[in-house]
Amino acid sequence: MSKFNNVINARDQLRSILKAPSELVTPKTHKYLDKHCGVFIGRSSFMLLATADANGNTDISPKGDPMGFVKIIDKQTLAIPYRPGNHRADSLENIL
């Protein structure tokens, strides 16, 4: 039993109280990196890398360096440099 009144637990319930998203944000997902993504990535000095292991346990690791540290290899591939940190390597293990 929930400690809250009016708990929302389904998408249709949520959508019944929220406005529809604007046309500006509706197409926010892309299958490929476009030129705007490239400009944004090129100007970024910080990113968060989210990964999950085979059991669905997630990890989010901060990554940072001077602007341009993330390289775009192609429309679907980024190269993120490895920097020695705490040596946990959670992201790398999850990717493997």
N, C-alpha and C. Protein backbone atom coordinates (compact mmCIF):
# COMPACT_ATOMS: atom_id res chain seq x y z
N MET A 1 0.84 -1.18 0.00
CA MET A 1 0.00 0.00 0.00
C MET A 1 0.89 1.25 0.00
N SER A 2 0.55 2.20 -0.80
CA SER A 2 1.33 3.43 -0.93
C SER A 2 1.05 4.39 0.21
N LYS A 3 2.05 5.14 0.58
CA LYS A 3 1.90 6.18 1.60
C LYS A 3 1.37 7.47 0.98
N PHE A 4 1.18 7.49 -0.33
CA PHE A 4 0.74 8.68 -1.03
C PHE A 4 -0.65 8.49 -1.60
N ASN A 5 -1.39 9.57 -1.70
CA ASN A 5 -2.69 9.55 -2.37
C ASN A 5 -2.47 9.79 -3.85
N ASN A 6 -3.37 9.28 -4.67
CA ASN A 6 -3.34 9.54 -6.11
C ASN A 6 -2.02 9.15 -6.77
N VAL A 7 -1.57 7.96 -6.53
CA VAL A 7 -0.33 7.48 -7.12
C VAL A 7 -0.56 7.18 -8.60
N ILE A 8 0.35 7.66 -9.43
CA ILE A 8 0.29 7.41 -10.87
C ILE A 8 1.17 6.20 -11.16
N ASN A 9 0.59 5.19 -11.78
CA ASN A 9 1.38 3.99 -12.08
C ASN A 9 1.20 3.49 -13.50
N ALA A 10 0.64 4.33 -14.35
CA ALA A 10 0.47 3.94 -15.75
C ALA A 10 0.64 5.18 -16.63
N ARG A 11 1.15 4.95 -17.83
CA ARG A 11 1.40 6.06 -18.75
C ARG A 11 0.13 6.85 -19.06
N ASP A 12 -0.99 6.15 -19.27
CA ASP A 12 -2.22 6.87 -19.60
C ASP A 12 -2.68 7.77 -18.45
N GLN A 13 -2.44 7.36 -17.21
CA GLN A 13 -2.75 8.23 -16.07
C GLN A 13 -1.87 9.48 -16.09
N LEU A 14 -0.60 9.29 -16.33
CA LEU A 14 0.33 10.42 -16.40
C LEU A 14 -0.07 11.38 -17.51
N ARG A 15 -0.33 10.84 -18.69
CA ARG A 15 -0.66 11.66 -19.85
C ARG A 15 -2.00 12.38 -19.68
N SER A 16 -2.88 11.86 -18.83
CA SER A 16 -4.18 12.52 -18.62
C SER A 16 -4.04 13.82 -17.83
N ILE A 17 -2.92 14.00 -17.12
CA ILE A 17 -2.74 15.24 -16.35
C ILE A 17 -1.66 16.15 -16.90
N LEU A 18 -0.83 15.64 -17.79
CA LEU A 18 0.22 16.46 -18.39
C LEU A 18 -0.20 16.97 -19.75
N LYS A 19 0.28 18.14 -20.11
CA LYS A 19 0.07 18.65 -21.47
C LYS A 19 0.88 17.80 -22.45
N ALA A 20 0.46 17.81 -23.69
CA ALA A 20 1.21 17.12 -24.74
C ALA A 20 2.53 17.87 -24.95
N PRO A 21 3.61 17.15 -25.25
CA PRO A 21 4.88 17.84 -25.50
C PRO A 21 4.81 18.69 -26.76
N SER A 22 5.59 19.75 -26.78
CA SER A 22 5.59 20.64 -27.94
C SER A 22 6.28 19.98 -29.13
N GLU A 23 6.02 20.50 -30.30
CA GLU A 23 6.65 19.99 -31.53
C GLU A 23 8.17 20.19 -31.49
N LEU A 24 8.63 21.14 -30.69
CA LEU A 24 10.06 21.41 -30.58
C LEU A 24 10.81 20.23 -29.95
N VAL A 25 10.19 19.58 -28.98
CA VAL A 25 10.88 18.50 -28.27
C VAL A 25 10.43 17.11 -28.69
N THR A 26 9.36 17.00 -29.42
CA THR A 26 8.85 15.68 -29.80
C THR A 26 9.89 14.84 -30.56
N PRO A 27 10.58 15.41 -31.56
CA PRO A 27 11.55 14.59 -32.30
C PRO A 27 12.95 14.61 -31.68
N LYS A 28 13.05 14.49 -30.36
CA LYS A 28 14.35 14.65 -29.70
C LYS A 28 15.25 13.42 -29.82
N THR A 29 14.74 12.32 -30.25
CA THR A 29 15.59 11.14 -30.38
C THR A 29 16.05 10.99 -31.83
N HIS A 30 17.25 10.51 -31.99
CA HIS A 30 17.84 10.32 -33.31
C HIS A 30 18.48 8.94 -33.37
N LYS A 31 18.44 8.32 -34.52
CA LYS A 31 19.12 7.04 -34.71
C LYS A 31 20.60 7.26 -35.02
N TYR A 32 20.91 8.45 -35.52
CA TYR A 32 22.29 8.76 -35.90
C TYR A 32 22.65 10.14 -35.38
N LEU A 33 23.95 10.36 -35.20
CA LEU A 33 24.43 11.68 -34.81
C LEU A 33 24.34 12.60 -36.02
N ASP A 34 23.69 13.75 -35.86
CA ASP A 34 23.63 14.71 -36.95
C ASP A 34 24.63 15.84 -36.69
N LYS A 35 24.64 16.85 -37.54
CA LYS A 35 25.63 17.92 -37.41
C LYS A 35 25.43 18.69 -36.11
N HIS A 36 24.20 18.83 -35.65
CA HIS A 36 23.94 19.54 -34.40
C HIS A 36 24.50 18.76 -33.21
N CYS A 37 24.35 17.45 -33.24
CA CYS A 37 24.94 16.61 -32.20
C CYS A 37 26.46 16.77 -32.19
N GLY A 38 27.05 16.79 -33.38
CA GLY A 38 28.50 16.93 -33.49
C GLY A 38 29.00 18.23 -32.89
N VAL A 39 28.28 19.32 -33.15
CA VAL A 39 28.66 20.62 -32.59
C VAL A 39 28.56 20.58 -31.07
N PHE A 40 27.46 20.05 -30.56
CA PHE A 40 27.25 19.96 -29.11
C PHE A 40 28.35 19.12 -28.45
N ILE A 41 28.61 17.95 -29.01
CA ILE A 41 29.63 17.06 -28.46
C ILE A 41 31.00 17.72 -28.52
N GLY A 42 31.31 18.38 -29.62
CA GLY A 42 32.60 19.05 -29.78
C GLY A 42 32.83 20.17 -28.78
N ARG A 43 31.77 20.78 -28.30
CA ARG A 43 31.87 21.89 -27.34
C ARG A 43 31.78 21.44 -25.89
N SER A 44 31.53 20.15 -25.69
CA SER A 44 31.31 19.65 -24.33
C SER A 44 32.62 19.27 -23.66
N SER A 45 32.72 19.64 -22.39
CA SER A 45 33.88 19.26 -21.59
C SER A 45 33.51 18.29 -20.49
N PHE A 46 32.26 17.87 -20.49
CA PHE A 46 31.76 16.97 -19.45
C PHE A 46 30.68 16.09 -20.05
N MET A 47 30.64 14.85 -19.61
CA MET A 47 29.58 13.93 -20.02
C MET A 47 29.34 12.92 -18.92
N LEU A 48 28.21 12.25 -18.99
CA LEU A 48 27.90 11.15 -18.09
C LEU A 48 27.70 9.91 -18.95
N LEU A 49 28.41 8.85 -18.61
CA LEU A 49 28.31 7.59 -19.34
C LEU A 49 27.47 6.62 -18.50
N ALA A 50 26.31 6.24 -19.01
CA ALA A 50 25.43 5.30 -18.31
C ALA A 50 25.52 3.94 -18.98
N THR A 51 25.75 2.91 -18.18
CA THR A 51 25.83 1.54 -18.67
C THR A 51 25.05 0.64 -17.71
N ALA A 52 24.80 -0.58 -18.15
CA ALA A 52 24.13 -1.57 -17.31
C ALA A 52 24.78 -2.92 -17.52
N ASP A 53 24.80 -3.72 -16.44
CA ASP A 53 25.35 -5.07 -16.57
C ASP A 53 24.26 -6.02 -17.06
N ALA A 54 24.59 -7.29 -17.19
CA ALA A 54 23.66 -8.27 -17.72
C ALA A 54 22.41 -8.43 -16.85
N ASN A 55 22.51 -8.06 -15.58
CA ASN A 55 21.37 -8.16 -14.66
C ASN A 55 20.56 -6.88 -14.59
N GLY A 56 20.96 -5.87 -15.36
CA GLY A 56 20.23 -4.61 -15.36
C GLY A 56 20.68 -3.62 -14.30
N ASN A 57 21.74 -3.94 -13.57
CA ASN A 57 22.28 -3.00 -12.58
C ASN A 57 22.99 -1.88 -13.32
N THR A 58 22.65 -0.65 -12.99
CA THR A 58 23.18 0.48 -13.74
C THR A 58 24.33 1.18 -13.03
N ASP A 59 25.11 1.87 -13.81
CA ASP A 59 26.23 2.68 -13.33
C ASP A 59 26.27 3.94 -14.18
N ILE A 60 26.49 5.06 -13.56
CA ILE A 60 26.68 6.31 -14.29
C ILE A 60 28.01 6.90 -13.84
N SER A 61 28.91 7.07 -14.81
CA SER A 61 30.25 7.58 -14.52
C SER A 61 30.47 8.93 -15.17
N PRO A 62 30.90 9.92 -14.38
CA PRO A 62 31.23 11.22 -14.97
C PRO A 62 32.55 11.14 -15.74
N LYS A 63 32.62 11.81 -16.86
CA LYS A 63 33.82 11.88 -17.68
C LYS A 63 34.04 13.34 -18.05
N GLY A 64 35.27 13.80 -17.99
CA GLY A 64 35.53 15.18 -18.35
C GLY A 64 36.97 15.41 -18.76
N ASP A 65 37.16 16.38 -19.62
CA ASP A 65 38.45 16.79 -20.15
C ASP A 65 38.19 18.10 -20.90
N PRO A 66 39.20 18.69 -21.49
CA PRO A 66 38.95 19.90 -22.28
C PRO A 66 37.95 19.64 -23.42
N MET A 67 37.28 20.70 -23.85
CA MET A 67 36.30 20.56 -24.95
C MET A 67 36.90 19.77 -26.10
N GLY A 68 36.09 18.90 -26.67
CA GLY A 68 36.53 18.08 -27.80
C GLY A 68 37.15 16.76 -27.39
N PHE A 69 37.12 16.42 -26.10
CA PHE A 69 37.76 15.17 -25.67
C PHE A 69 37.03 13.93 -26.18
N VAL A 70 35.75 14.04 -26.47
CA VAL A 70 35.00 12.94 -27.08
C VAL A 70 35.08 13.11 -28.59
N LYS A 71 35.51 12.08 -29.26
CA LYS A 71 35.66 12.13 -30.73
C LYS A 71 34.52 11.37 -31.39
N ILE A 72 34.03 11.91 -32.48
CA ILE A 72 33.00 11.24 -33.27
C ILE A 72 33.71 10.42 -34.34
N ILE A 73 33.54 9.11 -34.26
CA ILE A 73 34.16 8.19 -35.22
C ILE A 73 33.29 8.09 -36.48
N ASP A 74 32.00 7.90 -36.29
CA ASP A 74 31.04 7.89 -37.39
C ASP A 74 29.68 8.26 -36.81
N LYS A 75 28.62 8.13 -37.59
CA LYS A 75 27.29 8.58 -37.16
C LYS A 75 26.72 7.82 -35.97
N GLN A 76 27.34 6.70 -35.61
CA GLN A 76 26.84 5.90 -34.49
C GLN A 76 27.89 5.57 -33.44
N THR A 77 29.11 6.11 -33.60
CA THR A 77 30.19 5.71 -32.72
C THR A 77 30.93 6.91 -32.15
N LEU A 78 31.09 6.90 -30.82
CA LEU A 78 31.90 7.90 -30.12
C LEU A 78 33.11 7.23 -29.51
N ALA A 79 34.22 7.94 -29.47
CA ALA A 79 35.42 7.47 -28.79
C ALA A 79 35.60 8.35 -27.55
N ILE A 80 35.57 7.70 -26.39
CA ILE A 80 35.71 8.40 -25.11
C ILE A 80 37.03 7.95 -24.51
N PRO A 81 37.97 8.87 -24.25
CA PRO A 81 39.27 8.45 -23.73
C PRO A 81 39.17 7.87 -22.33
N TYR A 82 39.99 6.89 -22.06
CA TYR A 82 40.07 6.31 -20.72
C TYR A 82 41.01 7.15 -19.88
N ARG A 83 40.60 7.50 -18.71
CA ARG A 83 41.44 8.22 -17.76
C ARG A 83 41.48 7.43 -16.47
N PRO A 84 42.68 7.10 -16.01
CA PRO A 84 42.77 6.35 -14.75
C PRO A 84 42.09 7.11 -13.62
N GLY A 85 41.27 6.42 -12.90
CA GLY A 85 40.57 7.02 -11.77
C GLY A 85 40.66 6.09 -10.59
N ASN A 86 39.53 5.59 -10.14
CA ASN A 86 39.51 4.71 -8.97
C ASN A 86 39.73 3.24 -9.33
N HIS A 87 39.91 2.94 -10.59
CA HIS A 87 40.19 1.59 -11.09
C HIS A 87 39.04 0.61 -10.92
N ARG A 88 37.84 1.10 -10.64
CA ARG A 88 36.69 0.20 -10.56
C ARG A 88 36.30 -0.34 -11.92
N ALA A 89 36.38 0.50 -12.94
CA ALA A 89 36.09 0.10 -14.33
C ALA A 89 34.69 -0.47 -14.51
N ASP A 90 33.72 0.04 -13.74
CA ASP A 90 32.35 -0.46 -13.85
C ASP A 90 31.79 -0.33 -15.25
N SER A 91 31.98 0.82 -15.88
CA SER A 91 31.45 1.03 -17.23
C SER A 91 32.06 0.04 -18.21
N LEU A 92 33.38 -0.11 -18.15
CA LEU A 92 34.05 -1.03 -19.07
C LEU A 92 33.59 -2.46 -18.87
N GLU A 93 33.45 -2.88 -17.61
CA GLU A 93 32.97 -4.23 -17.34
C GLU A 93 31.54 -4.42 -17.83
N ASN A 94 30.70 -3.40 -17.64
CA ASN A 94 29.31 -3.50 -18.12
C ASN A 94 29.27 -3.61 -19.63
N ILE A 95 30.09 -2.85 -20.32
CA ILE A 95 30.12 -2.90 -21.78
C ILE A 95 30.58 -4.27 -22.26
N LEU A 96 31.58 -4.82 -21.60
CA LEU A 96 32.04 -6.18 -21.96
C LEU A 96 30.95 -7.21 -21.72
